[in-house]
């Protein structure tokens, strides 16, 4: 005669406790996977980035860190910088939820911007909310970074970032095209092919821009980055800002690095026939 196996019963209260422990354990495991975060008071927050890895030390010790306040008191008007020369091309793109931000990776030759005679090719674009840079102490609702890189035969290429800031107002047309693809990514580190997109649909607006030498605003905080920040503030809807915040992980809903000291750096403002930095 075969013995019938007897199912082991677990009292419901004990089962609930077990499930809670397992869920907490899993949440902690996922949380610990992140290399850095933006949470105040966190051991992995911005104040500690330079301590998390030796190759990130410049986040703490560097003297050309970004973002900064673009203060009129420190700006030098200059016309010889010339208008920003953009030459973008339509190409395939993939949208990524990187946990700490939403990024659009350009897969092919998406074109370039020319700075001081050097072509910097568009690599990816991503968003920070609220803005990382400020203008005369004012922080805006959103900041887009278009990250470019030069091609160098010796492998010593440079990075140039074009920044655009937004305030709440009319929806941004380019973000409107991406919204239906971003929403399903909420809290998931995944990617989705977008097909062919034209970077020139990212509108910059006016011809005036700030220029200074800074760094990446996330670890490893690499310095020597050429920053070009459009002076014209564009608009984005409140819903679009909330969409970007809800899509990333909780620790990055407000993914703006604190302002960094300017030290002895110069900030330039290019403007054709500009005589007043406040215009």
C-alpha atoms as a PDB file:
ATOM      1  CA  UNK A   1       0.000   0.000   0.000  1.00  0.00           C
ATOM      2  CA  UNK A   2       1.383   3.380  -1.078  1.00  0.00           C
ATOM      3  CA  UNK A   3       1.511   6.155   1.406  1.00  0.00           C
ATOM      4  CA  UNK A   4      -0.186   9.320   0.150  1.00  0.00           C
ATOM      5  CA  UNK A   5       2.008  12.375   0.658  1.00  0.00           C
ATOM      6  CA  UNK A   6       0.498  14.837   3.036  1.00  0.00           C
ATOM      7  CA  UNK A   7       0.552  18.528   2.027  1.00  0.00           C
ATOM      8  CA  UNK A   8       2.264  20.762   4.521  1.00  0.00           C
ATOM      9  CA  UNK A   9      -0.016  23.532   5.658  1.00  0.00           C
ATOM     10  CA  UNK A  10       1.281  26.942   6.691  1.00  0.00           C
ATOM     11  CA  UNK A  11      -0.910  29.150   8.856  1.00  0.00           C
ATOM     12  CA  UNK A  12      -2.068  32.233   6.929  1.00  0.00           C
ATOM     13  CA  UNK A  13      -0.388  34.757   9.323  1.00  0.00           C
ATOM     14  CA  UNK A  14       2.934  32.927   8.940  1.00  0.00           C
ATOM     15  CA  UNK A  15       2.487  32.815   5.163  1.00  0.00           C
ATOM     16  CA  UNK A  16       1.899  36.558   5.023  1.00  0.00           C
ATOM     17  CA  UNK A  17       5.023  37.182   7.086  1.00  0.00           C
ATOM     18  CA  UNK A  18       7.045  34.925   4.775  1.00  0.00           C
ATOM     19  CA  UNK A  19       5.787  36.706   1.648  1.00  0.00           C
ATOM     20  CA  UNK A  20       6.560  40.092   3.194  1.00  0.00           C
ATOM     21  CA  UNK A  21      10.109  39.013   4.031  1.00  0.00           C
ATOM     22  CA  UNK A  22      10.695  37.688   0.512  1.00  0.00           C
ATOM     23  CA  UNK A  23       9.329  40.847  -1.130  1.00  0.00           C
ATOM     24  CA  UNK A  24      11.426  43.073   1.130  1.00  0.00           C
ATOM     25  CA  UNK A  25      14.488  40.965   0.403  1.00  0.00           C
ATOM     26  CA  UNK A  26      13.931  41.242  -3.339  1.00  0.00           C
ATOM     27  CA  UNK A  27      13.312  44.997  -3.166  1.00  0.00           C
ATOM     28  CA  UNK A  28      16.517  45.450  -1.188  1.00  0.00           C
ATOM     29  CA  UNK A  29      18.427  43.339  -3.693  1.00  0.00           C
ATOM     30  CA  UNK A  30      17.211  45.462  -6.621  1.00  0.00           C
ATOM     31  CA  UNK A  31      17.937  48.656  -4.710  1.00  0.00           C
ATOM     32  CA  UNK A  32      21.482  47.535  -3.979  1.00  0.00           C
ATOM     33  CA  UNK A  33      22.108  46.916  -7.679  1.00  0.00           C
ATOM     34  CA  UNK A  34      22.114  50.628  -8.460  1.00  0.00           C
ATOM     35  CA  UNK A  35      25.558  52.152  -8.542  1.00  0.00           C
ATOM     36  CA  UNK A  36      24.457  55.646  -7.511  1.00  0.00           C
ATOM     37  CA  UNK A  37      21.298  57.573  -6.760  1.00  0.00           C
ATOM     38  CA  UNK A  38      19.931  61.076  -6.171  1.00  0.00           C
ATOM     39  CA  UNK A  39      18.357  60.522  -2.758  1.00  0.00           C
ATOM     40  CA  UNK A  40      19.203  63.029  -0.050  1.00  0.00           C
ATOM     41  CA  UNK A  41      20.949  61.394   2.854  1.00  0.00           C
ATOM     42  CA  UNK A  42      21.651  58.248   0.844  1.00  0.00           C
ATOM     43  CA  UNK A  43      25.066  56.612   1.016  1.00  0.00           C
ATOM     44  CA  UNK A  44      24.959  56.516  -2.779  1.00  0.00           C
ATOM     45  CA  UNK A  45      23.703  60.092  -3.156  1.00  0.00           C
ATOM     46  CA  UNK A  46      25.477  62.965  -4.994  1.00  0.00           C
ATOM     47  CA  UNK A  47      27.530  63.982  -1.949  1.00  0.00           C
ATOM     48  CA  UNK A  48      29.118  60.518  -1.907  1.00  0.00           C
ATOM     49  CA  UNK A  49      29.567  59.753  -5.628  1.00  0.00           C
ATOM     50  CA  UNK A  50      33.280  60.463  -5.429  1.00  0.00           C
ATOM     51  CA  UNK A  51      33.689  57.901  -2.639  1.00  0.00           C
ATOM     52  CA  UNK A  52      31.852  54.977  -4.262  1.00  0.00           C
ATOM     53  CA  UNK A  53      34.585  54.047  -6.761  1.00  0.00           C
ATOM     54  CA  UNK A  54      38.169  55.208  -7.109  1.00  0.00           C
ATOM     55  CA  UNK A  55      37.556  56.038 -10.779  1.00  0.00           C
ATOM     56  CA  UNK A  56      34.763  58.374  -9.645  1.00  0.00           C
ATOM     57  CA  UNK A  57      37.013  60.420  -7.342  1.00  0.00           C
ATOM     58  CA  UNK A  58      36.807  63.463  -9.610  1.00  0.00           C
ATOM     59  CA  UNK A  59      33.103  63.748  -8.671  1.00  0.00           C
ATOM     60  CA  UNK A  60      34.397  64.943  -5.288  1.00  0.00           C
ATOM     61  CA  UNK A  61      37.829  66.395  -6.046  1.00  0.00           C
ATOM     62  CA  UNK A  62      37.355  67.936  -9.504  1.00  0.00           C
ATOM     63  CA  UNK A  63      37.414  71.697 -10.042  1.00  0.00           C
ATOM     64  CA  UNK A  64      35.552  71.748 -13.373  1.00  0.00           C
ATOM     65  CA  UNK A  65      32.357  69.993 -12.332  1.00  0.00           C
ATOM     66  CA  UNK A  66      28.834  70.451 -13.704  1.00  0.00           C
ATOM     67  CA  UNK A  67      26.146  71.684 -13.378  1.00  0.00           C
ATOM     68  CA  UNK A  68      26.687  75.318 -12.435  1.00  0.00           C
ATOM     69  CA  UNK A  69      24.644  78.485 -12.043  1.00  0.00           C
ATOM     70  CA  UNK A  70      24.852  80.596 -15.184  1.00  0.00           C
ATOM     71  CA  UNK A  71      25.042  83.881 -13.349  1.00  0.00           C
ATOM     72  CA  UNK A  72      24.955  87.166 -15.266  1.00  0.00           C
ATOM     73  CA  UNK A  73      27.628  88.482 -12.889  1.00  0.00           C
ATOM     74  CA  UNK A  74      30.109  85.925 -14.237  1.00  0.00           C
ATOM     75  CA  UNK A  75      29.125  85.899 -17.906  1.00  0.00           C
ATOM     76  CA  UNK A  76      31.322  87.424 -20.575  1.00  0.00           C
ATOM     77  CA  UNK A  77      29.568  88.512 -23.766  1.00  0.00           C
ATOM     78  CA  UNK A  78      31.386  87.368 -26.875  1.00  0.00           C
ATOM     79  CA  UNK A  79      30.548  87.265 -30.570  1.00  0.00           C
ATOM     80  CA  UNK A  80      33.498  85.351 -32.002  1.00  0.00           C
ATOM     81  CA  UNK A  81      32.115  82.009 -30.804  1.00  0.00           C
ATOM     82  CA  UNK A  82      29.770  82.179 -33.760  1.00  0.00           C
ATOM     83  CA  UNK A  83      26.363  80.629 -34.235  1.00  0.00           C
ATOM     84  CA  UNK A  84      26.111  76.970 -33.230  1.00  0.00           C
ATOM     85  CA  UNK A  85      26.483  74.971 -36.450  1.00  0.00           C
ATOM     86  CA  UNK A  86      24.176  71.937 -36.423  1.00  0.00           C
ATOM     87  CA  UNK A  87      24.000  69.288 -39.111  1.00  0.00           C
ATOM     88  CA  UNK A  88      21.701  66.495 -37.944  1.00  0.00           C
ATOM     89  CA  UNK A  89      20.492  63.483 -39.938  1.00  0.00           C
ATOM     90  CA  UNK A  90      17.544  61.111 -39.526  1.00  0.00           C
ATOM     91  CA  UNK A  91      18.576  57.664 -38.300  1.00  0.00           C
ATOM     92  CA  UNK A  92      17.401  54.737 -36.194  1.00  0.00           C
ATOM     93  CA  UNK A  93      17.044  55.358 -32.482  1.00  0.00           C
ATOM     94  CA  UNK A  94      16.338  53.268 -29.397  1.00  0.00           C
ATOM     95  CA  UNK A  95      14.755  54.551 -26.218  1.00  0.00           C
ATOM     96  CA  UNK A  96      16.226  53.245 -22.953  1.00  0.00           C
ATOM     97  CA  UNK A  97      15.016  53.378 -19.377  1.00  0.00           C
ATOM     98  CA  UNK A  98      18.379  53.434 -17.606  1.00  0.00           C
ATOM     99  CA  UNK A  99      16.828  53.557 -14.156  1.00  0.00           C
ATOM    100  CA  UNK A 100      18.311  56.959 -13.378  1.00  0.00           C
ATOM    101  CA  UNK A 101      17.000  58.596 -16.575  1.00  0.00           C
ATOM    102  CA  UNK A 102      15.238  58.095 -19.911  1.00  0.00           C
ATOM    103  CA  UNK A 103      17.705  58.174 -22.790  1.00  0.00           C
ATOM    104  CA  UNK A 104      17.381  58.128 -26.562  1.00  0.00           C
ATOM    105  CA  UNK A 105      20.312  56.348 -28.190  1.00  0.00           C
ATOM    106  CA  UNK A 106      21.018  57.239 -31.816  1.00  0.00           C
ATOM    107  CA  UNK A 107      22.084  54.009 -33.528  1.00  0.00           C
ATOM    108  CA  UNK A 108      23.579  55.352 -36.753  1.00  0.00           C
ATOM    109  CA  UNK A 109      25.054  58.603 -38.004  1.00  0.00           C
ATOM    110  CA  UNK A 110      22.703  61.175 -36.529  1.00  0.00           C
ATOM    111  CA  UNK A 111      24.854  64.099 -37.603  1.00  0.00           C
ATOM    112  CA  UNK A 112      26.876  66.559 -35.593  1.00  0.00           C
ATOM    113  CA  UNK A 113      27.522  70.014 -34.222  1.00  0.00           C
ATOM    114  CA  UNK A 114      30.687  71.920 -35.054  1.00  0.00           C
ATOM    115  CA  UNK A 115      32.632  73.622 -32.260  1.00  0.00           C
ATOM    116  CA  UNK A 116      35.872  75.511 -32.954  1.00  0.00           C
ATOM    117  CA  UNK A 117      36.238  73.680 -36.261  1.00  0.00           C
ATOM    118  CA  UNK A 118      35.767  70.192 -34.749  1.00  0.00           C
ATOM    119  CA  UNK A 119      32.776  67.982 -35.534  1.00  0.00           C
ATOM    120  CA  UNK A 120      31.106  66.383 -32.513  1.00  0.00           C
ATOM    121  CA  UNK A 121      28.740  63.553 -33.461  1.00  0.00           C
ATOM    122  CA  UNK A 122      25.429  63.021 -31.700  1.00  0.00           C
ATOM    123  CA  UNK A 123      25.455  59.886 -29.547  1.00  0.00           C
ATOM    124  CA  UNK A 124      22.467  60.068 -27.196  1.00  0.00           C
ATOM    125  CA  UNK A 125      19.973  62.418 -25.585  1.00  0.00           C
ATOM    126  CA  UNK A 126      18.469  62.222 -22.093  1.00  0.00           C
ATOM    127  CA  UNK A 127      16.368  64.258 -19.665  1.00  0.00           C
ATOM    128  CA  UNK A 128      16.818  65.601 -16.126  1.00  0.00           C
ATOM    129  CA  UNK A 129      13.996  66.916 -13.965  1.00  0.00           C
ATOM    130  CA  UNK A 130      14.203  69.516 -12.580  1.00  0.00           C
ATOM    131  CA  UNK A 131      16.888  71.263 -14.635  1.00  0.00           C
ATOM    132  CA  UNK A 132      20.458  70.729 -13.495  1.00  0.00           C
ATOM    133  CA  UNK A 133      21.812  74.109 -14.586  1.00  0.00           C
ATOM    134  CA  UNK A 134      20.243  77.277 -13.265  1.00  0.00           C
ATOM    135  CA  UNK A 135      20.186  80.803 -14.695  1.00  0.00           C
ATOM    136  CA  UNK A 136      20.697  83.527 -12.102  1.00  0.00           C
ATOM    137  CA  UNK A 137      19.644  81.039  -9.436  1.00  0.00           C
ATOM    138  CA  UNK A 138      16.432  79.973 -11.172  1.00  0.00           C
ATOM    139  CA  UNK A 139      15.926  76.250 -11.684  1.00  0.00           C
ATOM    140  CA  UNK A 140      13.597  75.213 -14.488  1.00  0.00           C
ATOM    141  CA  UNK A 141      11.303  72.181 -14.789  1.00  0.00           C
ATOM    142  CA  UNK A 142      13.274  70.051 -17.239  1.00  0.00           C
ATOM    143  CA  UNK A 143      16.645  69.895 -18.982  1.00  0.00           C
ATOM    144  CA  UNK A 144      17.538  67.935 -22.103  1.00  0.00           C
ATOM    145  CA  UNK A 145      21.151  66.922 -22.748  1.00  0.00           C
ATOM    146  CA  UNK A 146      22.252  66.065 -26.282  1.00  0.00           C
ATOM    147  CA  UNK A 147      25.572  64.262 -25.854  1.00  0.00           C
ATOM    148  CA  UNK A 148      28.097  64.460 -28.697  1.00  0.00           C
ATOM    149  CA  UNK A 149      31.575  62.992 -29.129  1.00  0.00           C
ATOM    150  CA  UNK A 150      34.417  63.868 -31.480  1.00  0.00           C
ATOM    151  CA  UNK A 151      36.256  61.245 -33.511  1.00  0.00           C
ATOM    152  CA  UNK A 152      39.960  61.006 -32.820  1.00  0.00           C
ATOM    153  CA  UNK A 153      42.460  58.560 -34.362  1.00  0.00           C
ATOM    154  CA  UNK A 154      44.423  58.436 -31.097  1.00  0.00           C
ATOM    155  CA  UNK A 155      41.341  57.520 -29.083  1.00  0.00           C
ATOM    156  CA  UNK A 156      41.371  60.800 -27.160  1.00  0.00           C
ATOM    157  CA  UNK A 157      37.972  62.016 -28.267  1.00  0.00           C
ATOM    158  CA  UNK A 158      36.195  64.844 -26.437  1.00  0.00           C
ATOM    159  CA  UNK A 159      32.608  65.210 -25.304  1.00  0.00           C
ATOM    160  CA  UNK A 160      30.335  68.147 -26.074  1.00  0.00           C
ATOM    161  CA  UNK A 161      26.857  68.470 -24.576  1.00  0.00           C
ATOM    162  CA  UNK A 162      24.119  70.743 -25.868  1.00  0.00           C
ATOM    163  CA  UNK A 163      21.606  71.586 -23.129  1.00  0.00           C
ATOM    164  CA  UNK A 164      18.056  72.870 -23.491  1.00  0.00           C
ATOM    165  CA  UNK A 165      15.937  73.975 -20.525  1.00  0.00           C
ATOM    166  CA  UNK A 166      12.151  73.935 -20.284  1.00  0.00           C
ATOM    167  CA  UNK A 167       9.464  75.567 -18.165  1.00  0.00           C
ATOM    168  CA  UNK A 168       5.850  74.429 -17.755  1.00  0.00           C
ATOM    169  CA  UNK A 169       3.691  75.504 -20.660  1.00  0.00           C
ATOM    170  CA  UNK A 170       2.703  74.061 -24.008  1.00  0.00           C
ATOM    171  CA  UNK A 171       3.721  70.397 -24.602  1.00  0.00           C
ATOM    172  CA  UNK A 172       7.064  69.755 -26.268  1.00  0.00           C
ATOM    173  CA  UNK A 173       6.330  68.249 -29.729  1.00  0.00           C
ATOM    174  CA  UNK A 174       9.328  65.909 -29.705  1.00  0.00           C
ATOM    175  CA  UNK A 175       8.464  64.450 -26.288  1.00  0.00           C
ATOM    176  CA  UNK A 176       4.879  64.045 -27.476  1.00  0.00           C
ATOM    177  CA  UNK A 177       6.128  61.627 -30.149  1.00  0.00           C
ATOM    178  CA  UNK A 178       7.894  59.521 -27.518  1.00  0.00           C
ATOM    179  CA  UNK A 179       5.249  59.548 -24.782  1.00  0.00           C
ATOM    180  CA  UNK A 180       3.397  56.362 -25.761  1.00  0.00           C
ATOM    181  CA  UNK A 181       6.697  54.461 -25.768  1.00  0.00           C
ATOM    182  CA  UNK A 182       7.962  55.859 -22.446  1.00  0.00           C
ATOM    183  CA  UNK A 183       4.812  55.145 -20.435  1.00  0.00           C
ATOM    184  CA  UNK A 184       5.022  51.312 -20.577  1.00  0.00           C
ATOM    185  CA  UNK A 185       8.621  51.517 -19.337  1.00  0.00           C
ATOM    186  CA  UNK A 186       7.661  52.762 -15.882  1.00  0.00           C
ATOM    187  CA  UNK A 187      10.080  51.324 -13.299  1.00  0.00           C
ATOM    188  CA  UNK A 188      11.500  48.861 -15.826  1.00  0.00           C
ATOM    189  CA  UNK A 189      15.054  48.949 -17.143  1.00  0.00           C
ATOM    190  CA  UNK A 190      14.290  48.099 -20.744  1.00  0.00           C
ATOM    191  CA  UNK A 191      14.655  49.465 -24.250  1.00  0.00           C
ATOM    192  CA  UNK A 192      12.551  49.788 -27.359  1.00  0.00           C
ATOM    193  CA  UNK A 193      13.412  50.513 -30.980  1.00  0.00           C
ATOM    194  CA  UNK A 194      11.864  53.738 -32.217  1.00  0.00           C
ATOM    195  CA  UNK A 195      12.610  53.390 -35.914  1.00  0.00           C
ATOM    196  CA  UNK A 196      13.915  56.422 -37.777  1.00  0.00           C
ATOM    197  CA  UNK A 197      13.903  59.724 -35.870  1.00  0.00           C
ATOM    198  CA  UNK A 198      15.196  63.135 -36.899  1.00  0.00           C
ATOM    199  CA  UNK A 199      17.228  64.906 -34.155  1.00  0.00           C
ATOM    200  CA  UNK A 200      16.520  68.253 -35.816  1.00  0.00           C
ATOM    201  CA  UNK A 201      12.940  67.880 -34.530  1.00  0.00           C
ATOM    202  CA  UNK A 202      14.393  68.770 -31.126  1.00  0.00           C
ATOM    203  CA  UNK A 203      13.842  72.512 -31.310  1.00  0.00           C
ATOM    204  CA  UNK A 204      16.401  74.787 -29.723  1.00  0.00           C
ATOM    205  CA  UNK A 205      14.952  78.191 -30.468  1.00  0.00           C
ATOM    206  CA  UNK A 206      17.068  81.338 -30.239  1.00  0.00           C
ATOM    207  CA  UNK A 207      20.650  81.853 -31.370  1.00  0.00           C
ATOM    208  CA  UNK A 208      22.042  82.871 -27.983  1.00  0.00           C
ATOM    209  CA  UNK A 209      23.859  80.298 -25.906  1.00  0.00           C
ATOM    210  CA  UNK A 210      26.154  79.919 -22.903  1.00  0.00           C
ATOM    211  CA  UNK A 211      29.490  78.130 -23.239  1.00  0.00           C
ATOM    212  CA  UNK A 212      31.796  76.824 -20.519  1.00  0.00           C
ATOM    213  CA  UNK A 213      34.036  73.836 -19.757  1.00  0.00           C
ATOM    214  CA  UNK A 214      32.631  71.397 -17.234  1.00  0.00           C
ATOM    215  CA  UNK A 215      31.975  67.706 -16.682  1.00  0.00           C
ATOM    216  CA  UNK A 216      29.465  64.930 -17.066  1.00  0.00           C
ATOM    217  CA  UNK A 217      26.736  65.368 -14.437  1.00  0.00           C
ATOM    218  CA  UNK A 218      26.651  61.648 -13.528  1.00  0.00           C
ATOM    219  CA  UNK A 219      29.510  59.368 -12.463  1.00  0.00           C
ATOM    220  CA  UNK A 220      32.320  59.154 -13.449  1.00  0.00           C
ATOM    221  CA  UNK A 221      31.919  62.978 -13.702  1.00  0.00           C
ATOM    222  CA  UNK A 222      34.544  63.162 -16.481  1.00  0.00           C
ATOM    223  CA  UNK A 223      35.904  66.698 -16.884  1.00  0.00           C
ATOM    224  CA  UNK A 224      36.804  68.609 -20.036  1.00  0.00           C
ATOM    225  CA  UNK A 225      33.241  68.490 -21.396  1.00  0.00           C
ATOM    226  CA  UNK A 226      32.320  71.425 -23.655  1.00  0.00           C
ATOM    227  CA  UNK A 227      28.930  72.691 -22.528  1.00  0.00           C
ATOM    228  CA  UNK A 228      26.617  74.695 -24.776  1.00  0.00           C
ATOM    229  CA  UNK A 229      23.415  75.770 -23.011  1.00  0.00           C
ATOM    230  CA  UNK A 230      20.694  77.452 -25.057  1.00  0.00           C
ATOM    231  CA  UNK A 231      19.598  80.726 -23.485  1.00  0.00           C
ATOM    232  CA  UNK A 232      16.055  80.417 -24.819  1.00  0.00           C
ATOM    233  CA  UNK A 233      13.794  78.540 -22.406  1.00  0.00           C
ATOM    234  CA  UNK A 234      11.364  76.262 -24.194  1.00  0.00           C
ATOM    235  CA  UNK A 235       8.127  74.791 -22.828  1.00  0.00           C
ATOM    236  CA  UNK A 236       7.001  71.343 -21.714  1.00  0.00           C
ATOM    237  CA  UNK A 237       3.669  70.237 -20.242  1.00  0.00           C
ATOM    238  CA  UNK A 238       3.350  69.220 -16.607  1.00  0.00           C
ATOM    239  CA  UNK A 239       2.138  65.832 -17.792  1.00  0.00           C
ATOM    240  CA  UNK A 240       5.311  65.293 -19.836  1.00  0.00           C
ATOM    241  CA  UNK A 241       7.507  66.073 -16.833  1.00  0.00           C
ATOM    242  CA  UNK A 242       5.475  63.689 -14.679  1.00  0.00           C
ATOM    243  CA  UNK A 243       5.742  61.006 -17.370  1.00  0.00           C
ATOM    244  CA  UNK A 244       9.551  61.148 -17.281  1.00  0.00           C
ATOM    245  CA  UNK A 245       9.581  61.091 -13.469  1.00  0.00           C
ATOM    246  CA  UNK A 246       7.211  58.154 -13.190  1.00  0.00           C
ATOM    247  CA  UNK A 247       9.129  56.090 -15.752  1.00  0.00           C
ATOM    248  CA  UNK A 248      12.469  56.105 -13.901  1.00  0.00           C
ATOM    249  CA  UNK A 249      13.141  54.403 -10.583  1.00  0.00           C
ATOM    250  CA  UNK A 250      11.964  56.075  -7.375  1.00  0.00           C
ATOM    251  CA  UNK A 251      15.458  57.210  -6.398  1.00  0.00           C
ATOM    252  CA  UNK A 252      15.717  59.238  -9.634  1.00  0.00           C
ATOM    253  CA  UNK A 253      12.330  60.947  -9.867  1.00  0.00           C
ATOM    254  CA  UNK A 254      14.218  64.178  -9.260  1.00  0.00           C
ATOM    255  CA  UNK A 255      17.429  63.358 -11.080  1.00  0.00           C
ATOM    256  CA  UNK A 256      19.260  66.676 -10.940  1.00  0.00           C
ATOM    257  CA  UNK A 257      22.757  66.820  -9.488  1.00  0.00           C
ATOM    258  CA  UNK A 258      23.297  69.737  -7.061  1.00  0.00           C
ATOM    259  CA  UNK A 259      25.100  72.834  -8.346  1.00  0.00           C
ATOM    260  CA  UNK A 260      28.889  72.672  -8.329  1.00  0.00           C
ATOM    261  CA  UNK A 261      31.419  75.444  -7.541  1.00  0.00           C
ATOM    262  CA  UNK A 262      32.486  77.532 -10.535  1.00  0.00           C
ATOM    263  CA  UNK A 263      36.048  78.066  -9.214  1.00  0.00           C
ATOM    264  CA  UNK A 264      38.047  80.125 -11.734  1.00  0.00           C
ATOM    265  CA  UNK A 265      36.159  79.117 -14.842  1.00  0.00           C
ATOM    266  CA  UNK A 266      34.798  81.616 -17.327  1.00  0.00           C
ATOM    267  CA  UNK A 267      31.253  81.496 -18.680  1.00  0.00           C
ATOM    268  CA  UNK A 268      30.761  82.914 -22.162  1.00  0.00           C
ATOM    269  CA  UNK A 269      27.526  84.066 -23.752  1.00  0.00           C
ATOM    270  CA  UNK A 270      27.311  84.202 -27.507  1.00  0.00           C
ATOM    271  CA  UNK A 271      24.677  86.436 -29.018  1.00  0.00           C
ATOM    272  CA  UNK A 272      24.627  88.133 -32.421  1.00  0.00           C
ATOM    273  CA  UNK A 273      24.805  91.882 -31.752  1.00  0.00           C
ATOM    274  CA  UNK A 274      24.086  91.149 -28.087  1.00  0.00           C
ATOM    275  CA  UNK A 275      24.582  94.075 -25.755  1.00  0.00           C
ATOM    276  CA  UNK A 276      22.435  93.005 -22.846  1.00  0.00           C
ATOM    277  CA  UNK A 277      22.855  89.592 -21.256  1.00  0.00           C
ATOM    278  CA  UNK A 278      19.354  89.815 -19.790  1.00  0.00           C
ATOM    279  CA  UNK A 279      17.664  89.855 -23.231  1.00  0.00           C
END
